[in-house]
C-alpha atoms as a PDB file:
ATOM      1  CA  UNK A   1     -11.220 -18.758   4.369  1.00  0.00           C
ATOM      2  CA  UNK A   2     -10.794 -18.188   8.125  1.00  0.00           C
ATOM      3  CA  UNK A   3     -14.401 -17.135   8.884  1.00  0.00           C
ATOM      4  CA  UNK A   4     -15.769 -19.954   6.712  1.00  0.00           C
ATOM      5  CA  UNK A   5     -13.586 -22.532   8.494  1.00  0.00           C
ATOM      6  CA  UNK A   6     -14.749 -21.205  11.872  1.00  0.00           C
ATOM      7  CA  UNK A   7     -18.427 -21.332  10.919  1.00  0.00           C
ATOM      8  CA  UNK A   8     -18.030 -24.815   9.400  1.00  0.00           C
ATOM      9  CA  UNK A   9     -16.358 -26.123  12.567  1.00  0.00           C
ATOM     10  CA  UNK A  10     -19.057 -24.606  14.791  1.00  0.00           C
ATOM     11  CA  UNK A  11     -21.843 -26.032  12.660  1.00  0.00           C
ATOM     12  CA  UNK A  12     -20.567 -29.540  11.879  1.00  0.00           C
ATOM     13  CA  UNK A  13     -17.638 -30.404  14.207  1.00  0.00           C
ATOM     14  CA  UNK A  14     -18.468 -28.803  17.562  1.00  0.00           C
ATOM     15  CA  UNK A  15     -21.735 -30.791  18.103  1.00  0.00           C
ATOM     16  CA  UNK A  16     -19.708 -34.037  17.983  1.00  0.00           C
ATOM     17  CA  UNK A  17     -17.317 -32.801  20.703  1.00  0.00           C
ATOM     18  CA  UNK A  18     -19.591 -31.643  23.523  1.00  0.00           C
ATOM     19  CA  UNK A  19     -16.847 -31.944  26.142  1.00  0.00           C
ATOM     20  CA  UNK A  20     -14.842 -29.144  24.551  1.00  0.00           C
ATOM     21  CA  UNK A  21     -15.560 -25.475  24.949  1.00  0.00           C
ATOM     22  CA  UNK A  22     -17.522 -23.848  22.151  1.00  0.00           C
ATOM     23  CA  UNK A  23     -14.559 -21.655  21.123  1.00  0.00           C
ATOM     24  CA  UNK A  24     -11.879 -24.363  21.229  1.00  0.00           C
ATOM     25  CA  UNK A  25     -13.041 -26.214  18.117  1.00  0.00           C
ATOM     26  CA  UNK A  26     -12.800 -23.303  15.630  1.00  0.00           C
ATOM     27  CA  UNK A  27      -9.469 -22.259  17.169  1.00  0.00           C
ATOM     28  CA  UNK A  28      -8.093 -25.783  16.725  1.00  0.00           C
ATOM     29  CA  UNK A  29      -9.359 -25.937  13.141  1.00  0.00           C
ATOM     30  CA  UNK A  30      -7.692 -22.616  12.348  1.00  0.00           C
ATOM     31  CA  UNK A  31      -4.407 -23.864  13.843  1.00  0.00           C
ATOM     32  CA  UNK A  32      -4.531 -26.939  11.610  1.00  0.00           C
ATOM     33  CA  UNK A  33      -5.301 -24.746   8.591  1.00  0.00           C
ATOM     34  CA  UNK A  34      -2.362 -22.445   9.381  1.00  0.00           C
ATOM     35  CA  UNK A  35       0.032 -25.372   9.718  1.00  0.00           C
ATOM     36  CA  UNK A  36      -1.144 -26.599   6.327  1.00  0.00           C
ATOM     37  CA  UNK A  37      -0.516 -23.157   4.846  1.00  0.00           C
ATOM     38  CA  UNK A  38       3.005 -23.147   6.305  1.00  0.00           C
ATOM     39  CA  UNK A  39       3.779 -26.509   4.688  1.00  0.00           C
ATOM     40  CA  UNK A  40       2.290 -25.349   1.401  1.00  0.00           C
ATOM     41  CA  UNK A  41       4.356 -22.142   1.445  1.00  0.00           C
ATOM     42  CA  UNK A  42       7.492 -24.116   2.317  1.00  0.00           C
ATOM     43  CA  UNK A  43       6.980 -26.309  -0.733  1.00  0.00           C
ATOM     44  CA  UNK A  44       5.852 -23.707  -3.284  1.00  0.00           C
ATOM     45  CA  UNK A  45       7.407 -20.338  -2.415  1.00  0.00           C
ATOM     46  CA  UNK A  46      11.004 -19.564  -3.450  1.00  0.00           C
ATOM     47  CA  UNK A  47      13.764 -19.259  -0.881  1.00  0.00           C
ATOM     48  CA  UNK A  48      15.022 -15.952   0.471  1.00  0.00           C
ATOM     49  CA  UNK A  49      18.278 -16.278  -1.498  1.00  0.00           C
ATOM     50  CA  UNK A  50      16.407 -16.785  -4.764  1.00  0.00           C
ATOM     51  CA  UNK A  51      14.143 -13.822  -4.035  1.00  0.00           C
ATOM     52  CA  UNK A  52      17.096 -11.534  -3.240  1.00  0.00           C
ATOM     53  CA  UNK A  53      18.890 -12.707  -6.374  1.00  0.00           C
ATOM     54  CA  UNK A  54      15.875 -11.910  -8.537  1.00  0.00           C
ATOM     55  CA  UNK A  55      15.446  -8.493  -6.901  1.00  0.00           C
ATOM     56  CA  UNK A  56      19.097  -7.621  -7.493  1.00  0.00           C
ATOM     57  CA  UNK A  57      18.797  -8.687 -11.114  1.00  0.00           C
ATOM     58  CA  UNK A  58      15.736  -6.462 -11.598  1.00  0.00           C
ATOM     59  CA  UNK A  59      17.533  -3.574  -9.878  1.00  0.00           C
ATOM     60  CA  UNK A  60      20.586  -4.026 -12.131  1.00  0.00           C
ATOM     61  CA  UNK A  61      18.396  -4.034 -15.218  1.00  0.00           C
ATOM     62  CA  UNK A  62      16.700  -0.806 -14.126  1.00  0.00           C
ATOM     63  CA  UNK A  63      20.047   0.807 -13.299  1.00  0.00           C
ATOM     64  CA  UNK A  64      21.449  -0.114 -16.727  1.00  0.00           C
ATOM     65  CA  UNK A  65      18.340   1.275 -18.398  1.00  0.00           C
ATOM     66  CA  UNK A  66      18.712   4.526 -16.458  1.00  0.00           C
ATOM     67  CA  UNK A  67      22.416   4.818 -17.336  1.00  0.00           C
ATOM     68  CA  UNK A  68      21.635   4.149 -20.996  1.00  0.00           C
ATOM     69  CA  UNK A  69      19.042   6.904 -21.004  1.00  0.00           C
ATOM     70  CA  UNK A  70      21.443   9.334 -19.325  1.00  0.00           C
ATOM     71  CA  UNK A  71      24.241   8.434 -21.749  1.00  0.00           C
ATOM     72  CA  UNK A  72      21.906   8.968 -24.658  1.00  0.00           C
ATOM     73  CA  UNK A  73      20.977  12.412 -23.376  1.00  0.00           C
ATOM     74  CA  UNK A  74      24.641  13.290 -22.870  1.00  0.00           C
ATOM     75  CA  UNK A  75      25.420  12.129 -26.386  1.00  0.00           C
ATOM     76  CA  UNK A  76      22.782  14.467 -27.707  1.00  0.00           C
ATOM     77  CA  UNK A  77      24.327  17.302 -25.758  1.00  0.00           C
ATOM     78  CA  UNK A  78      27.742  16.653 -27.278  1.00  0.00           C
ATOM     79  CA  UNK A  79      26.380  17.282 -30.727  1.00  0.00           C
ATOM     80  CA  UNK A  80      25.249  20.757 -29.711  1.00  0.00           C
ATOM     81  CA  UNK A  81      27.855  23.490 -30.108  1.00  0.00           C
ATOM     82  CA  UNK A  82      28.795  25.129 -26.870  1.00  0.00           C
ATOM     83  CA  UNK A  83      30.235  28.603 -26.659  1.00  0.00           C
ATOM     84  CA  UNK A  84      33.392  28.672 -24.545  1.00  0.00           C
ATOM     85  CA  UNK A  85      35.136  31.785 -23.410  1.00  0.00           C
ATOM     86  CA  UNK A  86      38.859  31.283 -23.811  1.00  0.00           C
ATOM     87  CA  UNK A  87      39.586  33.500 -20.855  1.00  0.00           C
ATOM     88  CA  UNK A  88      37.814  30.943 -18.648  1.00  0.00           C
ATOM     89  CA  UNK A  89      40.156  28.158 -19.688  1.00  0.00           C
ATOM     90  CA  UNK A  90      43.491  29.707 -20.550  1.00  0.00           C
ATOM     91  CA  UNK A  91      45.131  32.955 -19.692  1.00  0.00           C
ATOM     92  CA  UNK A  92      47.679  34.348 -22.156  1.00  0.00           C
ATOM     93  CA  UNK A  93      49.752  37.205 -20.704  1.00  0.00           C
ATOM     94  CA  UNK A  94      51.372  39.821 -22.838  1.00  0.00           C
ATOM     95  CA  UNK A  95      54.852  38.894 -24.136  1.00  0.00           C
ATOM     96  CA  UNK A  96      57.687  40.882 -25.735  1.00  0.00           C
ATOM     97  CA  UNK A  97      58.797  38.386 -28.315  1.00  0.00           C
ATOM     98  CA  UNK A  98      59.350  35.621 -25.770  1.00  0.00           C
ATOM     99  CA  UNK A  99      57.631  32.299 -25.744  1.00  0.00           C
ATOM    100  CA  UNK A 100      54.116  32.713 -24.287  1.00  0.00           C
ATOM    101  CA  UNK A 101      53.350  30.886 -21.068  1.00  0.00           C
ATOM    102  CA  UNK A 102      49.847  29.640 -20.449  1.00  0.00           C
ATOM    103  CA  UNK A 103      48.430  29.411 -16.972  1.00  0.00           C
ATOM    104  CA  UNK A 104      45.557  27.162 -15.936  1.00  0.00           C
ATOM    105  CA  UNK A 105      42.979  28.083 -13.364  1.00  0.00           C
ATOM    106  CA  UNK A 106      43.370  26.474  -9.977  1.00  0.00           C
ATOM    107  CA  UNK A 107      41.519  23.225  -9.460  1.00  0.00           C
ATOM    108  CA  UNK A 108      40.118  24.411  -6.161  1.00  0.00           C
ATOM    109  CA  UNK A 109      37.026  25.584  -8.019  1.00  0.00           C
ATOM    110  CA  UNK A 110      36.335  21.988  -8.987  1.00  0.00           C
ATOM    111  CA  UNK A 111      36.793  20.797  -5.425  1.00  0.00           C
ATOM    112  CA  UNK A 112      34.663  23.407  -3.675  1.00  0.00           C
ATOM    113  CA  UNK A 113      31.263  22.070  -4.866  1.00  0.00           C
ATOM    114  CA  UNK A 114      31.858  18.791  -2.991  1.00  0.00           C
ATOM    115  CA  UNK A 115      30.403  20.289   0.195  1.00  0.00           C
ATOM    116  CA  UNK A 116      27.357  21.458  -1.735  1.00  0.00           C
ATOM    117  CA  UNK A 117      27.044  17.980  -3.237  1.00  0.00           C
ATOM    118  CA  UNK A 118      27.055  16.402   0.211  1.00  0.00           C
ATOM    119  CA  UNK A 119      24.365  18.784   1.444  1.00  0.00           C
ATOM    120  CA  UNK A 120      22.269  18.014  -1.645  1.00  0.00           C
ATOM    121  CA  UNK A 121      22.623  14.276  -1.076  1.00  0.00           C
ATOM    122  CA  UNK A 122      21.569  14.673   2.554  1.00  0.00           C
ATOM    123  CA  UNK A 123      18.523  16.682   1.544  1.00  0.00           C
ATOM    124  CA  UNK A 124      17.669  14.046  -1.066  1.00  0.00           C
ATOM    125  CA  UNK A 125      18.005  11.300   1.542  1.00  0.00           C
ATOM    126  CA  UNK A 126      15.696  13.168   3.927  1.00  0.00           C
ATOM    127  CA  UNK A 127      13.195  13.702   1.112  1.00  0.00           C
ATOM    128  CA  UNK A 128      13.211   9.996   0.218  1.00  0.00           C
ATOM    129  CA  UNK A 129      12.708   9.002   3.856  1.00  0.00           C
ATOM    130  CA  UNK A 130       9.872  11.505   4.126  1.00  0.00           C
ATOM    131  CA  UNK A 131       8.104  10.037   1.088  1.00  0.00           C
ATOM    132  CA  UNK A 132       8.551   6.521   2.463  1.00  0.00           C
ATOM    133  CA  UNK A 133       7.093   7.726   5.772  1.00  0.00           C
ATOM    134  CA  UNK A 134       4.023   8.980   3.910  1.00  0.00           C
ATOM    135  CA  UNK A 135       3.733   5.564   2.228  1.00  0.00           C
ATOM    136  CA  UNK A 136       3.807   3.894   5.655  1.00  0.00           C
ATOM    137  CA  UNK A 137       1.069   6.256   6.912  1.00  0.00           C
ATOM    138  CA  UNK A 138      -1.037   5.456   3.844  1.00  0.00           C
ATOM    139  CA  UNK A 139      -0.557   1.739   4.423  1.00  0.00           C
ATOM    140  CA  UNK A 140      -1.519   2.165   8.085  1.00  0.00           C
ATOM    141  CA  UNK A 141      -4.780   3.900   7.168  1.00  0.00           C
ATOM    142  CA  UNK A 142      -5.662   1.172   4.657  1.00  0.00           C
ATOM    143  CA  UNK A 143      -4.837  -1.556   7.188  1.00  0.00           C
ATOM    144  CA  UNK A 144      -6.954   0.180   9.814  1.00  0.00           C
ATOM    145  CA  UNK A 145      -9.941   0.321   7.472  1.00  0.00           C
ATOM    146  CA  UNK A 146      -9.709  -3.330   6.375  1.00  0.00           C
ATOM    147  CA  UNK A 147      -9.063  -4.580   9.911  1.00  0.00           C
ATOM    148  CA  UNK A 148     -12.028  -2.645  11.253  1.00  0.00           C
ATOM    149  CA  UNK A 149     -14.355  -3.905   8.526  1.00  0.00           C
ATOM    150  CA  UNK A 150     -13.407  -7.545   9.171  1.00  0.00           C
ATOM    151  CA  UNK A 151     -14.373  -7.276  12.830  1.00  0.00           C
ATOM    152  CA  UNK A 152     -17.120  -4.663  12.851  1.00  0.00           C
ATOM    153  CA  UNK A 153     -19.266  -6.189  10.110  1.00  0.00           C
ATOM    154  CA  UNK A 154     -19.680  -9.492  11.919  1.00  0.00           C
ATOM    155  CA  UNK A 155     -20.185  -7.722  15.251  1.00  0.00           C
ATOM    156  CA  UNK A 156     -22.853  -5.414  13.804  1.00  0.00           C
ATOM    157  CA  UNK A 157     -24.681  -8.344  12.215  1.00  0.00           C
ATOM    158  CA  UNK A 158     -24.786 -10.126  15.572  1.00  0.00           C
ATOM    159  CA  UNK A 159     -25.611  -7.171  17.837  1.00  0.00           C
ATOM    160  CA  UNK A 160     -27.821  -4.920  15.696  1.00  0.00           C
ATOM    161  CA  UNK A 161     -29.395  -7.429  13.288  1.00  0.00           C
ATOM    162  CA  UNK A 162     -29.457 -10.599  15.460  1.00  0.00           C
ATOM    163  CA  UNK A 163     -27.524 -12.819  13.081  1.00  0.00           C
ATOM    164  CA  UNK A 164     -26.027 -16.057  14.374  1.00  0.00           C
ATOM    165  CA  UNK A 165     -22.210 -16.323  14.506  1.00  0.00           C
ATOM    166  CA  UNK A 166     -22.223 -19.174  11.977  1.00  0.00           C
ATOM    167  CA  UNK A 167     -24.257 -17.256   9.375  1.00  0.00           C
ATOM    168  CA  UNK A 168     -22.129 -14.159   9.908  1.00  0.00           C
ATOM    169  CA  UNK A 169     -18.937 -16.178   9.493  1.00  0.00           C
ATOM    170  CA  UNK A 170     -20.089 -17.583   6.158  1.00  0.00           C
ATOM    171  CA  UNK A 171     -21.029 -14.109   4.929  1.00  0.00           C
ATOM    172  CA  UNK A 172     -17.726 -12.532   6.012  1.00  0.00           C
ATOM    173  CA  UNK A 173     -15.752 -15.345   4.405  1.00  0.00           C
ATOM    174  CA  UNK A 174     -17.594 -14.918   1.117  1.00  0.00           C
ATOM    175  CA  UNK A 175     -17.037 -11.150   1.247  1.00  0.00           C
ATOM    176  CA  UNK A 176     -13.300 -11.594   1.714  1.00  0.00           C
ATOM    177  CA  UNK A 177     -13.160 -14.211  -1.050  1.00  0.00           C
ATOM    178  CA  UNK A 178     -14.315 -11.482  -3.432  1.00  0.00           C
ATOM    179  CA  UNK A 179     -10.675 -10.403  -3.641  1.00  0.00           C
ATOM    180  CA  UNK A 180      -9.828 -13.364  -5.895  1.00  0.00           C
ATOM    181  CA  UNK A 181     -12.015 -12.416  -8.925  1.00  0.00           C
ATOM    182  CA  UNK A 182     -11.091  -8.763  -8.428  1.00  0.00           C
ATOM    183  CA  UNK A 183      -7.371  -9.598  -8.596  1.00  0.00           C
ATOM    184  CA  UNK A 184      -7.893 -11.614 -11.784  1.00  0.00           C
ATOM    185  CA  UNK A 185      -9.814  -8.758 -13.368  1.00  0.00           C
ATOM    186  CA  UNK A 186      -7.074  -6.286 -12.420  1.00  0.00           C
ATOM    187  CA  UNK A 187      -4.409  -8.501 -13.983  1.00  0.00           C
ATOM    188  CA  UNK A 188      -6.373  -8.352 -17.214  1.00  0.00           C
ATOM    189  CA  UNK A 189      -6.881  -4.576 -16.948  1.00  0.00           C
ATOM    190  CA  UNK A 190      -3.159  -3.932 -16.417  1.00  0.00           C
ATOM    191  CA  UNK A 191      -2.611  -4.568 -20.102  1.00  0.00           C
ATOM    192  CA  UNK A 192      -4.229  -1.257 -20.954  1.00  0.00           C
ATOM    193  CA  UNK A 193      -4.503   0.649 -17.636  1.00  0.00           C
ATOM    194  CA  UNK A 194      -1.643   1.833 -15.443  1.00  0.00           C
ATOM    195  CA  UNK A 195      -1.270   0.788 -11.812  1.00  0.00           C
ATOM    196  CA  UNK A 196      -1.633   4.408 -10.700  1.00  0.00           C
ATOM    197  CA  UNK A 197      -5.012   4.675 -12.435  1.00  0.00           C
ATOM    198  CA  UNK A 198      -6.173   1.386 -10.905  1.00  0.00           C
ATOM    199  CA  UNK A 199      -5.063   2.602  -7.468  1.00  0.00           C
ATOM    200  CA  UNK A 200      -6.854   5.944  -7.790  1.00  0.00           C
ATOM    201  CA  UNK A 201     -10.134   4.512  -9.079  1.00  0.00           C
ATOM    202  CA  UNK A 202     -10.203   1.657  -6.552  1.00  0.00           C
ATOM    203  CA  UNK A 203      -9.432   3.940  -3.619  1.00  0.00           C
ATOM    204  CA  UNK A 204     -12.032   6.558  -4.563  1.00  0.00           C
ATOM    205  CA  UNK A 205     -14.657   3.840  -5.087  1.00  0.00           C
ATOM    206  CA  UNK A 206     -13.890   2.283  -1.689  1.00  0.00           C
ATOM    207  CA  UNK A 207     -14.152   5.697  -0.014  1.00  0.00           C
ATOM    208  CA  UNK A 208     -17.503   6.292  -1.710  1.00  0.00           C
ATOM    209  CA  UNK A 209     -18.777   2.885  -0.551  1.00  0.00           C
ATOM    210  CA  UNK A 210     -18.126   3.896   3.057  1.00  0.00           C
ATOM    211  CA  UNK A 211     -21.158   6.180   2.792  1.00  0.00           C
ATOM    212  CA  UNK A 212     -23.358   3.061   2.606  1.00  0.00           C
ATOM    213  CA  UNK A 213     -22.873   2.812   6.363  1.00  0.00           C
ATOM    214  CA  UNK A 214     -24.282   6.283   7.037  1.00  0.00           C
ATOM    215  CA  UNK A 215     -27.643   6.352   8.893  1.00  0.00           C
ATOM    216  CA  UNK A 216     -29.293   8.551   6.255  1.00  0.00           C
ATOM    217  CA  UNK A 217     -28.505   5.987   3.561  1.00  0.00           C
ATOM    218  CA  UNK A 218     -29.990   3.308   5.815  1.00  0.00           C
ATOM    219  CA  UNK A 219     -33.167   5.382   6.292  1.00  0.00           C
ATOM    220  CA  UNK A 220     -33.467   5.941   2.537  1.00  0.00           C
ATOM    221  CA  UNK A 221     -32.972   2.216   1.915  1.00  0.00           C
ATOM    222  CA  UNK A 222     -35.700   1.213   4.367  1.00  0.00           C
ATOM    223  CA  UNK A 223     -38.142   3.798   3.001  1.00  0.00           C
ATOM    224  CA  UNK A 224     -37.755   2.755  -0.645  1.00  0.00           C
ATOM    225  CA  UNK A 225     -37.689  -1.034  -0.186  1.00  0.00           C
ATOM    226  CA  UNK A 226     -40.559  -1.933   2.099  1.00  0.00           C
ATOM    227  CA  UNK A 227     -40.582  -5.524   3.298  1.00  0.00           C
ATOM    228  CA  UNK A 228     -41.346  -7.316   6.547  1.00  0.00           C
ATOM    229  CA  UNK A 229     -38.259  -7.392   8.719  1.00  0.00           C
ATOM    230  CA  UNK A 230     -36.266  -5.198   6.330  1.00  0.00           C
ATOM    231  CA  UNK A 231     -32.997  -4.024   7.897  1.00  0.00           C
ATOM    232  CA  UNK A 232     -29.842  -2.268   6.738  1.00  0.00           C
ATOM    233  CA  UNK A 233     -27.793  -5.457   6.928  1.00  0.00           C
ATOM    234  CA  UNK A 234     -27.465  -5.645   3.104  1.00  0.00           C
ATOM    235  CA  UNK A 235     -25.765  -2.237   3.107  1.00  0.00           C
ATOM    236  CA  UNK A 236     -23.055  -3.150   5.593  1.00  0.00           C
ATOM    237  CA  UNK A 237     -22.556  -6.494   3.808  1.00  0.00           C
ATOM    238  CA  UNK A 238     -22.242  -4.691   0.465  1.00  0.00           C
ATOM    239  CA  UNK A 239     -19.640  -2.362   1.928  1.00  0.00           C
ATOM    240  CA  UNK A 240     -17.618  -5.276   3.283  1.00  0.00           C
ATOM    241  CA  UNK A 241     -17.960  -7.313   0.071  1.00  0.00           C
ATOM    242  CA  UNK A 242     -16.771  -4.475  -2.172  1.00  0.00           C
ATOM    243  CA  UNK A 243     -14.621  -2.164  -0.048  1.00  0.00           C
ATOM    244  CA  UNK A 244     -12.465  -4.850   1.576  1.00  0.00           C
ATOM    245  CA  UNK A 245     -11.251  -6.351  -1.742  1.00  0.00           C
ATOM    246  CA  UNK A 246     -10.715  -2.883  -3.212  1.00  0.00           C
ATOM    247  CA  UNK A 247      -8.720  -1.656  -0.215  1.00  0.00           C
ATOM    248  CA  UNK A 248      -6.677  -4.870  -0.171  1.00  0.00           C
ATOM    249  CA  UNK A 249      -5.899  -4.332  -3.834  1.00  0.00           C
ATOM    250  CA  UNK A 250      -4.868  -0.742  -3.126  1.00  0.00           C
ATOM    251  CA  UNK A 251      -2.649  -1.940  -0.285  1.00  0.00           C
ATOM    252  CA  UNK A 252      -0.799  -4.256  -2.647  1.00  0.00           C
ATOM    253  CA  UNK A 253      -0.232  -1.508  -5.207  1.00  0.00           C
ATOM    254  CA  UNK A 254       0.892   0.971  -2.534  1.00  0.00           C
ATOM    255  CA  UNK A 255       3.369  -1.546  -1.140  1.00  0.00           C
ATOM    256  CA  UNK A 256       4.715  -2.166  -4.641  1.00  0.00           C
ATOM    257  CA  UNK A 257       5.149   1.550  -5.259  1.00  0.00           C
ATOM    258  CA  UNK A 258       6.892   2.020  -1.916  1.00  0.00           C
ATOM    259  CA  UNK A 259       9.361  -0.830  -2.482  1.00  0.00           C
ATOM    260  CA  UNK A 260      10.016   0.351  -6.020  1.00  0.00           C
ATOM    261  CA  UNK A 261      10.740   3.854  -4.743  1.00  0.00           C
ATOM    262  CA  UNK A 262      12.867   2.661  -1.819  1.00  0.00           C
ATOM    263  CA  UNK A 263      15.109   0.307  -3.806  1.00  0.00           C
ATOM    264  CA  UNK A 264      16.960  -2.716  -2.486  1.00  0.00           C
ATOM    265  CA  UNK A 265      19.128  -0.654  -0.121  1.00  0.00           C
ATOM    266  CA  UNK A 266      16.101   0.340   1.982  1.00  0.00           C
ATOM    267  CA  UNK A 267      13.926  -2.727   1.424  1.00  0.00           C
ATOM    268  CA  UNK A 268      14.649  -4.364   4.785  1.00  0.00           C
ATOM    269  CA  UNK A 269      13.946  -1.209   6.783  1.00  0.00           C
ATOM    270  CA  UNK A 270      10.764  -0.547   4.821  1.00  0.00           C
ATOM    271  CA  UNK A 271       9.627  -4.146   5.362  1.00  0.00           C
ATOM    272  CA  UNK A 272      10.195  -3.780   9.111  1.00  0.00           C
ATOM    273  CA  UNK A 273       8.216  -0.527   9.194  1.00  0.00           C
ATOM    274  CA  UNK A 274       5.305  -2.067   7.261  1.00  0.00           C
ATOM    275  CA  UNK A 275       5.315  -5.113   9.550  1.00  0.00           C
ATOM    276  CA  UNK A 276       5.069  -2.910  12.649  1.00  0.00           C
ATOM    277  CA  UNK A 277       2.316  -0.853  10.995  1.00  0.00           C
ATOM    278  CA  UNK A 278       0.376  -4.028  10.165  1.00  0.00           C
ATOM    279  CA  UNK A 279       0.619  -5.362  13.713  1.00  0.00           C
ATOM    280  CA  UNK A 280      -0.397  -2.101  15.345  1.00  0.00           C
ATOM    281  CA  UNK A 281      -3.220  -1.408  12.907  1.00  0.00           C
ATOM    282  CA  UNK A 282      -4.862  -4.792  13.321  1.00  0.00           C
ATOM    283  CA  UNK A 283      -4.315  -4.749  17.091  1.00  0.00           C
ATOM    284  CA  UNK A 284      -6.094  -1.400  17.430  1.00  0.00           C
ATOM    285  CA  UNK A 285      -8.666  -1.378  14.623  1.00  0.00           C
ATOM    286  CA  UNK A 286     -10.713  -4.471  15.563  1.00  0.00           C
ATOM    287  CA  UNK A 287     -11.444  -3.626  19.226  1.00  0.00           C
ATOM    288  CA  UNK A 288     -11.854   0.063  18.422  1.00  0.00           C
ATOM    289  CA  UNK A 289     -14.433  -0.677  15.713  1.00  0.00           C
ATOM    290  CA  UNK A 290     -16.393  -2.890  18.107  1.00  0.00           C
ATOM    291  CA  UNK A 291     -16.231  -0.139  20.732  1.00  0.00           C
ATOM    292  CA  UNK A 292     -17.634   2.347  18.210  1.00  0.00           C
ATOM    293  CA  UNK A 293     -20.611   0.075  17.539  1.00  0.00           C
ATOM    294  CA  UNK A 294     -21.153  -0.650  21.229  1.00  0.00           C
ATOM    295  CA  UNK A 295     -21.132   3.000  22.297  1.00  0.00           C
ATOM    296  CA  UNK A 296     -22.625   4.768  19.274  1.00  0.00           C
ATOM    297  CA  UNK A 297     -24.033   2.107  16.996  1.00  0.00           C
ATOM    298  CA  UNK A 298     -23.227   1.686  13.332  1.00  0.00           C
ATOM    299  CA  UNK A 299     -23.462   5.473  12.873  1.00  0.00           C
ATOM    300  CA  UNK A 300     -20.273   6.128  14.843  1.00  0.00           C
ATOM    301  CA  UNK A 301     -18.466   3.291  13.073  1.00  0.00           C
ATOM    302  CA  UNK A 302     -19.649   4.695   9.734  1.00  0.00           C
ATOM    303  CA  UNK A 303     -18.246   8.127  10.581  1.00  0.00           C
ATOM    304  CA  UNK A 304     -14.874   6.572  11.444  1.00  0.00           C
ATOM    305  CA  UNK A 305     -14.761   4.628   8.162  1.00  0.00           C
ATOM    306  CA  UNK A 306     -15.691   7.703   6.123  1.00  0.00           C
ATOM    307  CA  UNK A 307     -12.953   9.792   7.755  1.00  0.00           C
ATOM    308  CA  UNK A 308     -10.295   7.073   7.499  1.00  0.00           C
ATOM    309  CA  UNK A 309     -11.025   6.331   3.843  1.00  0.00           C
ATOM    310  CA  UNK A 310     -11.034  10.048   2.999  1.00  0.00           C
ATOM    311  CA  UNK A 311      -7.637  10.471   4.651  1.00  0.00           C
ATOM    312  CA  UNK A 312      -6.377   7.388   2.811  1.00  0.00           C
ATOM    313  CA  UNK A 313      -7.323   8.951  -0.531  1.00  0.00           C
ATOM    314  CA  UNK A 314      -5.421  12.142   0.300  1.00  0.00           C
ATOM    315  CA  UNK A 315      -2.318  10.452   1.760  1.00  0.00           C
ATOM    316  CA  UNK A 316      -2.021   7.861  -1.011  1.00  0.00           C
ATOM    317  CA  UNK A 317      -2.362  10.553  -3.652  1.00  0.00           C
ATOM    318  CA  UNK A 318       0.316  12.638  -1.945  1.00  0.00           C
ATOM    319  CA  UNK A 319       2.724   9.693  -1.657  1.00  0.00           C
ATOM    320  CA  UNK A 320       2.355   8.657  -5.295  1.00  0.00           C
ATOM    321  CA  UNK A 321       2.712  12.242  -6.516  1.00  0.00           C
ATOM    322  CA  UNK A 322       5.857  12.907  -4.463  1.00  0.00           C
ATOM    323  CA  UNK A 323       7.479   9.619  -5.448  1.00  0.00           C
ATOM    324  CA  UNK A 324       6.814  10.237  -9.127  1.00  0.00           C
ATOM    325  CA  UNK A 325       8.142  13.790  -8.867  1.00  0.00           C
ATOM    326  CA  UNK A 326      11.312  12.572  -7.188  1.00  0.00           C
ATOM    327  CA  UNK A 327      11.802   9.822  -9.745  1.00  0.00           C
ATOM    328  CA  UNK A 328      11.391  12.282 -12.593  1.00  0.00           C
ATOM    329  CA  UNK A 329      13.818  14.756 -11.063  1.00  0.00           C
ATOM    330  CA  UNK A 330      16.453  12.399  -9.716  1.00  0.00           C
ATOM    331  CA  UNK A 331      15.934   9.089 -11.446  1.00  0.00           C
ATOM    332  CA  UNK A 332      16.090   5.819  -9.547  1.00  0.00           C
ATOM    333  CA  UNK A 333      16.598   5.946  -5.798  1.00  0.00           C
END
């Protein structure tokens, strides 16, 4: 709603306040809207203690389910006969009519593997941190793409296609609002489709939509739809209207997978890493996307989006595959 609020304030509020600068009015309106959101969140969202309590309860339920599955597998193994060599358990020396004395093996053999166990746990910890690092990289790429599209689309409409800031703000706001029906549709699809399948299809579709920004697609569009004043603005608007909601959806699923893989013990550190990644991505992506358009036009920005979305497909696929492999091999982390 931010771009729509800005355009509304410029169109209807700013003319009644001529003494104020043209940029002060939308900034003030956005501040009021953010304060309202803070009050709304304070009233509706649960407290931190309630959230932590619910997360611990979910973690305990998953741990009990994992222990039940392991116990069931061990119970099945007990029913299977196991061949045991008596010489490995007891040693019976030769006797000359005297009472036999049995000797047990030293327990040092049971203590020695502890060092190997520690090394294995360290390797497992490094592997988990590596997978979480890949999740953070995937989230950074997705944030970079969405942040760039928010800024570059409006900038391209103003610079290359001579749109007014108010019209561009309305269009960008409507494009971002497309996330709401998409989220509702995904909630309905989750009844029969897994989150991994939704993630893969949404990410591949968003990467394919990035090619709408390519100059050759623009040339093809102008050659096949002849009209006075025809431009490629509908292509960049279509990319923003479809790719931004899809990438935002993928970001939510990736974050869920990363927190599920990390567990409660690493949730705070993962949240801090994702917060830093969000801040850096949005701080760099918006000005960099505008610089691409200023120096090389939409073509250079299109190349950046195509590369970033292609890398996001590869990194997200790698993170999900490694996390599922680790969960299958070692259970819950």
